[in-house]
Amino acid sequence: MSSWTVELTGEATEDIAALDAATRRRVLAKIAWFAEHVDDVTPVPLEGEWREFCKLRVGDWRIAYTFSQSKRTVTVHTVGRRDKIYKQRPPH
């Protein structure tokens, strides 16, 4: 099965750049893996203000994303520690 296209928002790019090298590698590896396996993964939708987004776990880190089945595109909106990410306002 072909992979999906992954787009990073400006905020996600900044979030990833701010990570330490080891965490950055893990997050980018998870995103790359996810692009190859989107069709095999059940999305984990968020709730409340974050209801438009789904999440991926990378240890204590979370990747908030949306996807378009018709375009086969995943958009990564933000990356953050699980204890902080949901306390901020969701990206628009």
PDB file of N, CA and C in Angstrom:
ATOM      1  N   MET A   1       0.844  -1.176   0.000  1.00  0.00           N
ATOM      2  CA  MET A   1       0.000   0.000   0.000  1.00  0.00           C
ATOM      3  C   MET A   1       0.892   1.243   0.000  1.00  0.00           C
ATOM      4  N   SER A   2       0.490   2.243  -0.734  1.00  0.00           N
ATOM      5  CA  SER A   2       1.322   3.443  -0.830  1.00  0.00           C
ATOM      6  C   SER A   2       1.192   4.308   0.415  1.00  0.00           C
ATOM      7  N   SER A   3       2.250   5.044   0.664  1.00  0.00           N
ATOM      8  CA  SER A   3       2.236   5.897   1.852  1.00  0.00           C
ATOM      9  C   SER A   3       1.418   7.151   1.604  1.00  0.00           C
ATOM     10  N   TRP A   4       1.111   7.796   2.674  1.00  0.00           N
ATOM     11  CA  TRP A   4       0.391   9.043   2.635  1.00  0.00           C
ATOM     12  C   TRP A   4       1.390  10.187   2.601  1.00  0.00           C
ATOM     13  N   THR A   5       0.936  11.353   2.199  1.00  0.00           N
ATOM     14  CA  THR A   5       1.747  12.560   2.260  1.00  0.00           C
ATOM     15  C   THR A   5       1.606  13.159   3.652  1.00  0.00           C
ATOM     16  N   VAL A   6       2.717  13.584   4.225  1.00  0.00           N
ATOM     17  CA  VAL A   6       2.696  14.218   5.536  1.00  0.00           C
ATOM     18  C   VAL A   6       3.067  15.680   5.376  1.00  0.00           C
ATOM     19  N   GLU A   7       2.252  16.538   5.935  1.00  0.00           N
ATOM     20  CA  GLU A   7       2.520  17.981   5.942  1.00  0.00           C
ATOM     21  C   GLU A   7       2.707  18.413   7.387  1.00  0.00           C
ATOM     22  N   LEU A   8       3.704  19.243   7.623  1.00  0.00           N
ATOM     23  CA  LEU A   8       3.932  19.813   8.948  1.00  0.00           C
ATOM     24  C   LEU A   8       3.537  21.280   8.917  1.00  0.00           C
ATOM     25  N   THR A   9       2.737  21.701   9.864  1.00  0.00           N
ATOM     26  CA  THR A   9       2.428  23.123   9.969  1.00  0.00           C
ATOM     27  C   THR A   9       3.661  23.846  10.497  1.00  0.00           C
ATOM     28  N   GLY A  10       3.647  25.165  10.440  1.00  0.00           N
ATOM     29  CA  GLY A  10       4.750  25.949  10.992  1.00  0.00           C
ATOM     30  C   GLY A  10       4.944  25.676  12.463  1.00  0.00           C
ATOM     31  N   GLU A  11       3.839  25.547  13.189  1.00  0.00           N
ATOM     32  CA  GLU A  11       3.921  25.273  14.625  1.00  0.00           C
ATOM     33  C   GLU A  11       4.554  23.910  14.881  1.00  0.00           C
ATOM     34  N   ALA A  12       4.160  22.904  14.112  1.00  0.00           N
ATOM     35  CA  ALA A  12       4.734  21.566  14.284  1.00  0.00           C
ATOM     36  C   ALA A  12       6.227  21.579  13.970  1.00  0.00           C
ATOM     37  N   THR A  13       6.612  22.292  12.939  1.00  0.00           N
ATOM     38  CA  THR A  13       8.027  22.393  12.577  1.00  0.00           C
ATOM     39  C   THR A  13       8.822  23.029  13.707  1.00  0.00           C
ATOM     40  N   GLU A  14       8.289  24.087  14.301  1.00  0.00           N
ATOM     41  CA  GLU A  14       8.954  24.740  15.442  1.00  0.00           C
ATOM     42  C   GLU A  14       9.007  23.816  16.648  1.00  0.00           C
ATOM     43  N   ASP A  15       7.912  23.103  16.912  1.00  0.00           N
ATOM     44  CA  ASP A  15       7.878  22.172  18.047  1.00  0.00           C
ATOM     45  C   ASP A  15       8.953  21.099  17.894  1.00  0.00           C
ATOM     46  N   ILE A  16       9.060  20.540  16.702  1.00  0.00           N
ATOM     47  CA  ILE A  16      10.033  19.478  16.452  1.00  0.00           C
ATOM     48  C   ILE A  16      11.457  20.021  16.549  1.00  0.00           C
ATOM     49  N   ALA A  17      11.689  21.205  16.015  1.00  0.00           N
ATOM     50  CA  ALA A  17      13.026  21.810  16.076  1.00  0.00           C
ATOM     51  C   ALA A  17      13.470  22.071  17.510  1.00  0.00           C
ATOM     52  N   ALA A  18      12.531  22.313  18.402  1.00  0.00           N
ATOM     53  CA  ALA A  18      12.857  22.623  19.799  1.00  0.00           C
ATOM     54  C   ALA A  18      13.155  21.370  20.641  1.00  0.00           C
ATOM     55  N   LEU A  19      12.893  20.195  20.099  1.00  0.00           N
ATOM     56  CA  LEU A  19      13.136  18.957  20.837  1.00  0.00           C
ATOM     57  C   LEU A  19      14.626  18.641  20.904  1.00  0.00           C
ATOM     58  N   ASP A  20      15.015  17.896  21.945  1.00  0.00           N
ATOM     59  CA  ASP A  20      16.399  17.428  21.979  1.00  0.00           C
ATOM     60  C   ASP A  20      16.573  16.410  20.841  1.00  0.00           C
ATOM     61  N   ALA A  21      17.809  16.165  20.456  1.00  0.00           N
ATOM     62  CA  ALA A  21      18.098  15.348  19.270  1.00  0.00           C
ATOM     63  C   ALA A  21      17.481  13.956  19.339  1.00  0.00           C
ATOM     64  N   ALA A  22      17.578  13.285  20.486  1.00  0.00           N
ATOM     65  CA  ALA A  22      17.045  11.928  20.602  1.00  0.00           C
ATOM     66  C   ALA A  22      15.524  11.912  20.457  1.00  0.00           C
ATOM     67  N   THR A  23      14.853  12.840  21.115  1.00  0.00           N
ATOM     68  CA  THR A  23      13.391  12.911  21.024  1.00  0.00           C
ATOM     69  C   THR A  23      12.973  13.291  19.613  1.00  0.00           C
ATOM     70  N   ARG A  24      13.694  14.220  18.997  1.00  0.00           N
ATOM     71  CA  ARG A  24      13.382  14.632  17.616  1.00  0.00           C
ATOM     72  C   ARG A  24      13.447  13.416  16.686  1.00  0.00           C
ATOM     73  N   ARG A  25      14.500  12.602  16.820  1.00  0.00           N
ATOM     74  CA  ARG A  25      14.622  11.406  15.974  1.00  0.00           C
ATOM     75  C   ARG A  25      13.441  10.464  16.188  1.00  0.00           C
ATOM     76  N   ARG A  26      13.045  10.266  17.436  1.00  0.00           N
ATOM     77  CA  ARG A  26      11.921   9.373  17.738  1.00  0.00           C
ATOM     78  C   ARG A  26      10.613   9.898  17.142  1.00  0.00           C
ATOM     79  N   VAL A  27      10.374  11.203  17.285  1.00  0.00           N
ATOM     80  CA  VAL A  27       9.143  11.803  16.757  1.00  0.00           C
ATOM     81  C   VAL A  27       9.120  11.704  15.229  1.00  0.00           C
ATOM     82  N   LEU A  28      10.226  12.056  14.586  1.00  0.00           N
ATOM     83  CA  LEU A  28      10.275  11.995  13.124  1.00  0.00           C
ATOM     84  C   LEU A  28      10.161  10.560  12.622  1.00  0.00           C
ATOM     85  N   ALA A  29      10.747   9.612  13.353  1.00  0.00           N
ATOM     86  CA  ALA A  29      10.626   8.198  12.970  1.00  0.00           C
ATOM     87  C   ALA A  29       9.175   7.739  13.081  1.00  0.00           C
ATOM     88  N   LYS A  30       8.476   8.181  14.121  1.00  0.00           N
ATOM     89  CA  LYS A  30       7.064   7.808  14.298  1.00  0.00           C
ATOM     90  C   LYS A  30       6.216   8.396  13.179  1.00  0.00           C
ATOM     91  N   ILE A  31       6.484   9.650  12.825  1.00  0.00           N
ATOM     92  CA  ILE A  31       5.733  10.279  11.729  1.00  0.00           C
ATOM     93  C   ILE A  31       5.981   9.534  10.417  1.00  0.00           C
ATOM     94  N   ALA A  32       7.234   9.179  10.143  1.00  0.00           N
ATOM     95  CA  ALA A  32       7.563   8.440   8.919  1.00  0.00           C
ATOM     96  C   ALA A  32       6.886   7.067   8.921  1.00  0.00           C
ATOM     97  N   TRP A  33       6.931   6.377  10.072  1.00  0.00           N
ATOM     98  CA  TRP A  33       6.271   5.076  10.186  1.00  0.00           C
ATOM     99  C   TRP A  33       4.773   5.227   9.942  1.00  0.00           C
ATOM    100  N   PHE A  34       4.184   6.256  10.562  1.00  0.00           N
ATOM    101  CA  PHE A  34       2.748   6.479  10.444  1.00  0.00           C
ATOM    102  C   PHE A  34       2.353   6.723   8.993  1.00  0.00           C
ATOM    103  N   ALA A  35       3.160   7.473   8.247  1.00  0.00           N
ATOM    104  CA  ALA A  35       2.865   7.747   6.839  1.00  0.00           C
ATOM    105  C   ALA A  35       2.759   6.453   6.031  1.00  0.00           C
ATOM    106  N   GLU A  36       3.515   5.451   6.416  1.00  0.00           N
ATOM    107  CA  GLU A  36       3.483   4.159   5.726  1.00  0.00           C
ATOM    108  C   GLU A  36       2.356   3.243   6.220  1.00  0.00           C
ATOM    109  N   HIS A  37       1.799   3.552   7.399  1.00  0.00           N
ATOM    110  CA  HIS A  37       0.830   2.640   8.022  1.00  0.00           C
ATOM    111  C   HIS A  37      -0.511   3.290   8.383  1.00  0.00           C
ATOM    112  N   VAL A  38      -0.815   4.431   7.837  1.00  0.00           N
ATOM    113  CA  VAL A  38      -2.061   5.131   8.189  1.00  0.00           C
ATOM    114  C   VAL A  38      -3.269   4.222   8.009  1.00  0.00           C
ATOM    115  N   ASP A  39      -3.279   3.465   6.937  1.00  0.00           N
ATOM    116  CA  ASP A  39      -4.433   2.607   6.662  1.00  0.00           C
ATOM    117  C   ASP A  39      -4.580   1.466   7.667  1.00  0.00           C
ATOM    118  N   ASP A  40      -3.511   1.155   8.387  1.00  0.00           N
ATOM    119  CA  ASP A  40      -3.533   0.050   9.343  1.00  0.00           C
ATOM    120  C   ASP A  40      -3.778   0.499  10.780  1.00  0.00           C
ATOM    121  N   VAL A  41      -3.786   1.804  11.011  1.00  0.00           N
ATOM    122  CA  VAL A  41      -3.879   2.348  12.365  1.00  0.00           C
ATOM    123  C   VAL A  41      -5.277   2.936  12.584  1.00  0.00           C
ATOM    124  N   THR A  42      -5.861   2.616  13.723  1.00  0.00           N
ATOM    125  CA  THR A  42      -7.145   3.222  14.085  1.00  0.00           C
ATOM    126  C   THR A  42      -6.856   4.579  14.713  1.00  0.00           C
ATOM    127  N   PRO A  43      -7.393   5.661  14.136  1.00  0.00           N
ATOM    128  CA  PRO A  43      -7.131   6.993  14.702  1.00  0.00           C
ATOM    129  C   PRO A  43      -7.655   7.103  16.133  1.00  0.00           C
ATOM    130  N   VAL A  44      -6.912   7.833  16.958  1.00  0.00           N
ATOM    131  CA  VAL A  44      -7.331   8.094  18.335  1.00  0.00           C
ATOM    132  C   VAL A  44      -7.798   9.539  18.396  1.00  0.00           C
ATOM    133  N   PRO A  45      -9.116   9.763  18.299  1.00  0.00           N
ATOM    134  CA  PRO A  45      -9.625  11.138  18.307  1.00  0.00           C
ATOM    135  C   PRO A  45      -9.532  11.763  19.696  1.00  0.00           C
ATOM    136  N   LEU A  46      -9.316  13.054  19.698  1.00  0.00           N
ATOM    137  CA  LEU A  46      -9.275  13.804  20.954  1.00  0.00           C
ATOM    138  C   LEU A  46     -10.657  14.363  21.254  1.00  0.00           C
ATOM    139  N   GLU A  47     -10.807  14.949  22.422  1.00  0.00           N
ATOM    140  CA  GLU A  47     -12.112  15.449  22.855  1.00  0.00           C
ATOM    141  C   GLU A  47     -12.034  16.927  23.200  1.00  0.00           C
ATOM    142  N   GLY A  48     -13.190  17.493  23.478  1.00  0.00           N
ATOM    143  CA  GLY A  48     -13.260  18.894  23.891  1.00  0.00           C
ATOM    144  C   GLY A  48     -12.788  19.833  22.802  1.00  0.00           C
ATOM    145  N   GLU A  49     -12.009  20.824  23.189  1.00  0.00           N
ATOM    146  CA  GLU A  49     -11.486  21.795  22.232  1.00  0.00           C
ATOM    147  C   GLU A  49     -10.637  21.139  21.150  1.00  0.00           C
ATOM    148  N   TRP A  50     -10.106  19.972  21.441  1.00  0.00           N
ATOM    149  CA  TRP A  50      -9.206  19.274  20.527  1.00  0.00           C
ATOM    150  C   TRP A  50      -9.933  18.261  19.647  1.00  0.00           C
ATOM    151  N   ARG A  51     -11.260  18.284  19.612  1.00  0.00           N
ATOM    152  CA  ARG A  51     -12.028  17.242  18.946  1.00  0.00           C
ATOM    153  C   ARG A  51     -11.764  17.128  17.441  1.00  0.00           C
ATOM    154  N   GLU A  52     -11.193  18.144  16.820  1.00  0.00           N
ATOM    155  CA  GLU A  52     -10.890  18.072  15.385  1.00  0.00           C
ATOM    156  C   GLU A  52      -9.624  17.255  15.112  1.00  0.00           C
ATOM    157  N   PHE A  53      -8.879  16.919  16.167  1.00  0.00           N
ATOM    158  CA  PHE A  53      -7.564  16.304  16.015  1.00  0.00           C
ATOM    159  C   PHE A  53      -7.541  14.868  16.511  1.00  0.00           C
ATOM    160  N   CYS A  54      -6.558  14.142  16.014  1.00  0.00           N
ATOM    161  CA  CYS A  54      -6.245  12.808  16.509  1.00  0.00           C
ATOM    162  C   CYS A  54      -4.837  12.872  17.084  1.00  0.00           C
ATOM    163  N   LYS A  55      -4.441  11.821  17.818  1.00  0.00           N
ATOM    164  CA  LYS A  55      -3.122  11.849  18.435  1.00  0.00           C
ATOM    165  C   LYS A  55      -2.338  10.585  18.136  1.00  0.00           C
ATOM    166  N   LEU A  56      -1.035  10.764  18.132  1.00  0.00           N
ATOM    167  CA  LEU A  56      -0.080   9.664  18.099  1.00  0.00           C
ATOM    168  C   LEU A  56       0.765   9.782  19.347  1.00  0.00           C
ATOM    169  N   ARG A  57       1.103   8.660  19.948  1.00  0.00           N
ATOM    170  CA  ARG A  57       1.961   8.648  21.134  1.00  0.00           C
ATOM    171  C   ARG A  57       3.388   8.334  20.740  1.00  0.00           C
ATOM    172  N   VAL A  58       4.308   9.034  21.363  1.00  0.00           N
ATOM    173  CA  VAL A  58       5.733   8.732  21.264  1.00  0.00           C
ATOM    174  C   VAL A  58       6.264   8.888  22.687  1.00  0.00           C
ATOM    175  N   GLY A  59       6.157   7.832  23.478  1.00  0.00           N
ATOM    176  CA  GLY A  59       6.524   7.924  24.892  1.00  0.00           C
ATOM    177  C   GLY A  59       5.650   8.955  25.582  1.00  0.00           C
ATOM    178  N   ASP A  60       6.270   9.943  26.220  1.00  0.00           N
ATOM    179  CA  ASP A  60       5.533  11.018  26.900  1.00  0.00           C
ATOM    180  C   ASP A  60       5.167  12.164  25.973  1.00  0.00           C
ATOM    181  N   TRP A  61       5.439  12.022  24.704  1.00  0.00           N
ATOM    182  CA  TRP A  61       5.168  13.069  23.724  1.00  0.00           C
ATOM    183  C   TRP A  61       3.931  12.714  22.920  1.00  0.00           C
ATOM    184  N   ARG A  62       3.230  13.748  22.469  1.00  0.00           N
ATOM    185  CA  ARG A  62       2.033  13.554  21.654  1.00  0.00           C
ATOM    186  C   ARG A  62       2.164  14.353  20.363  1.00  0.00           C
ATOM    187  N   ILE A  63       1.677  13.754  19.305  1.00  0.00           N
ATOM    188  CA  ILE A  63       1.629  14.387  17.991  1.00  0.00           C
ATOM    189  C   ILE A  63       0.155  14.583  17.676  1.00  0.00           C
ATOM    190  N   ALA A  64      -0.282  15.830  17.539  1.00  0.00           N
ATOM    191  CA  ALA A  64      -1.678  16.120  17.192  1.00  0.00           C
ATOM    192  C   ALA A  64      -1.757  16.320  15.685  1.00  0.00           C
ATOM    193  N   TYR A  65      -2.646  15.567  15.050  1.00  0.00           N
ATOM    194  CA  TYR A  65      -2.730  15.612  13.599  1.00  0.00           C
ATOM    195  C   TYR A  65      -4.186  15.543  13.138  1.00  0.00           C
ATOM    196  N   THR A  66      -4.368  15.906  11.872  1.00  0.00           N
ATOM    197  CA  THR A  66      -5.627  15.693  11.171  1.00  0.00           C
ATOM    198  C   THR A  66      -5.273  14.933   9.897  1.00  0.00           C
ATOM    199  N   PHE A  67      -6.284  14.388   9.253  1.00  0.00           N
ATOM    200  CA  PHE A  67      -6.009  13.684   8.000  1.00  0.00           C
ATOM    201  C   PHE A  67      -7.164  13.841   7.033  1.00  0.00           C
ATOM    202  N   SER A  68      -6.842  13.705   5.758  1.00  0.00           N
ATOM    203  CA  SER A  68      -7.842  13.731   4.699  1.00  0.00           C
ATOM    204  C   SER A  68      -7.744  12.415   3.950  1.00  0.00           C
ATOM    205  N   GLN A  69      -8.753  11.584   4.119  1.00  0.00           N
ATOM    206  CA  GLN A  69      -8.784  10.285   3.447  1.00  0.00           C
ATOM    207  C   GLN A  69      -8.756  10.465   1.933  1.00  0.00           C
ATOM    208  N   SER A  70      -9.532  11.416   1.424  1.00  0.00           N
ATOM    209  CA  SER A  70      -9.626  11.594  -0.024  1.00  0.00           C
ATOM    210  C   SER A  70      -8.312  12.075  -0.644  1.00  0.00           C
ATOM    211  N   LYS A  71      -7.567  12.898   0.081  1.00  0.00           N
ATOM    212  CA  LYS A  71      -6.283  13.410  -0.426  1.00  0.00           C
ATOM    213  C   LYS A  71      -5.103  12.555   0.014  1.00  0.00           C
ATOM    214  N   ARG A  72      -5.371  11.603   0.932  1.00  0.00           N
ATOM    215  CA  ARG A  72      -4.320  10.752   1.505  1.00  0.00           C
ATOM    216  C   ARG A  72      -3.199  11.618   2.094  1.00  0.00           C
ATOM    217  N   THR A  73      -3.629  12.608   2.870  1.00  0.00           N
ATOM    218  CA  THR A  73      -2.709  13.553   3.489  1.00  0.00           C
ATOM    219  C   THR A  73      -2.912  13.578   4.999  1.00  0.00           C
ATOM    220  N   VAL A  74      -1.805  13.542   5.730  1.00  0.00           N
ATOM    221  CA  VAL A  74      -1.801  13.716   7.174  1.00  0.00           C
ATOM    222  C   VAL A  74      -1.146  15.067   7.440  1.00  0.00           C
ATOM    223  N   THR A  75      -1.806  15.896   8.244  1.00  0.00           N
ATOM    224  CA  THR A  75      -1.233  17.188   8.621  1.00  0.00           C
ATOM    225  C   THR A  75      -0.915  17.151  10.103  1.00  0.00           C
ATOM    226  N   VAL A  76       0.381  17.300  10.418  1.00  0.00           N
ATOM    227  CA  VAL A  76       0.817  17.349  11.807  1.00  0.00           C
ATOM    228  C   VAL A  76       0.733  18.806  12.240  1.00  0.00           C
ATOM    229  N   HIS A  77      -0.044  19.074  13.304  1.00  0.00           N
ATOM    230  CA  HIS A  77      -0.289  20.446  13.741  1.00  0.00           C
ATOM    231  C   HIS A  77       0.598  20.876  14.896  1.00  0.00           C
ATOM    232  N   THR A  78       0.856  19.973  15.825  1.00  0.00           N
ATOM    233  CA  THR A  78       1.664  20.338  16.985  1.00  0.00           C
ATOM    234  C   THR A  78       2.237  19.079  17.623  1.00  0.00           C
ATOM    235  N   VAL A  79       3.360  19.257  18.306  1.00  0.00           N
ATOM    236  CA  VAL A  79       4.016  18.172  19.028  1.00  0.00           C
ATOM    237  C   VAL A  79       4.362  18.709  20.414  1.00  0.00           C
ATOM    238  N   GLY A  80       4.024  17.959  21.457  1.00  0.00           N
ATOM    239  CA  GLY A  80       4.325  18.432  22.803  1.00  0.00           C
ATOM    240  C   GLY A  80       4.254  17.327  23.827  1.00  0.00           C
ATOM    241  N   ARG A  81       4.738  17.631  25.014  1.00  0.00           N
ATOM    242  CA  ARG A  81       4.664  16.675  26.122  1.00  0.00           C
ATOM    243  C   ARG A  81       3.198  16.460  26.495  1.00  0.00           C
ATOM    244  N   ARG A  82       2.873  15.262  26.854  1.00  0.00           N
ATOM    245  CA  ARG A  82       1.468  14.938  27.145  1.00  0.00           C
ATOM    246  C   ARG A  82       0.906  15.748  28.296  1.00  0.00           C
ATOM    247  N   ASP A  83       1.762  16.160  29.240  1.00  0.00           N
ATOM    248  CA  ASP A  83       1.266  16.915  30.386  1.00  0.00           C
ATOM    249  C   ASP A  83       1.088  18.396  30.084  1.00  0.00           C
ATOM    250  N   LYS A  84       1.502  18.841  28.905  1.00  0.00           N
ATOM    251  CA  LYS A  84       1.390  20.258  28.559  1.00  0.00           C
ATOM    252  C   LYS A  84       0.597  20.535  27.285  1.00  0.00           C
ATOM    253  N   ILE A  85       0.636  19.624  26.354  1.00  0.00           N
ATOM    254  CA  ILE A  85       0.071  19.893  25.027  1.00  0.00           C
ATOM    255  C   ILE A  85      -1.417  20.224  25.078  1.00  0.00           C
ATOM    256  N   TYR A  86      -2.174  19.507  25.883  1.00  0.00           N
ATOM    257  CA  TYR A  86      -3.621  19.709  25.886  1.00  0.00           C
ATOM    258  C   TYR A  86      -4.051  20.902  26.739  1.00  0.00           C
ATOM    259  N   LYS A  87      -3.116  21.495  27.460  1.00  0.00           N
ATOM    260  CA  LYS A  87      -3.420  22.692  28.250  1.00  0.00           C
ATOM    261  C   LYS A  87      -3.349  23.950  27.399  1.00  0.00           C
ATOM    262  N   GLN A  88      -2.712  23.852  26.238  1.00  0.00           N
ATOM    263  CA  GLN A  88      -2.641  25.008  25.342  1.00  0.00           C
ATOM    264  C   GLN A  88      -3.859  24.997  24.417  1.00  0.00           C
ATOM    265  N   ARG A  89      -4.084  26.096  23.784  1.00  0.00           N
ATOM    266  CA  ARG A  89      -5.200  26.174  22.832  1.00  0.00           C
ATOM    267  C   ARG A  89      -4.856  25.356  21.611  1.00  0.00           C
ATOM    268  N   PRO A  90      -5.833  24.660  21.044  1.00  0.00           N
ATOM    269  CA  PRO A  90      -5.542  23.891  19.834  1.00  0.00           C
ATOM    270  C   PRO A  90      -5.209  24.833  18.673  1.00  0.00           C
ATOM    271  N   PRO A  91      -4.372  24.380  17.756  1.00  0.00           N
ATOM    272  CA  PRO A  91      -4.050  25.192  16.576  1.00  0.00           C
ATOM    273  C   PRO A  91      -5.283  25.391  15.709  1.00  0.00           C
ATOM    274  N   HIS A  92      -5.310  26.447  14.966  1.00  0.00           N
ATOM    275  CA  HIS A  92      -6.444  26.688  14.048  1.00  0.00           C
ATOM    276  C   HIS A  92      -6.009  26.610  12.632  1.00  0.00           C
TER     277      HIS A  92
END
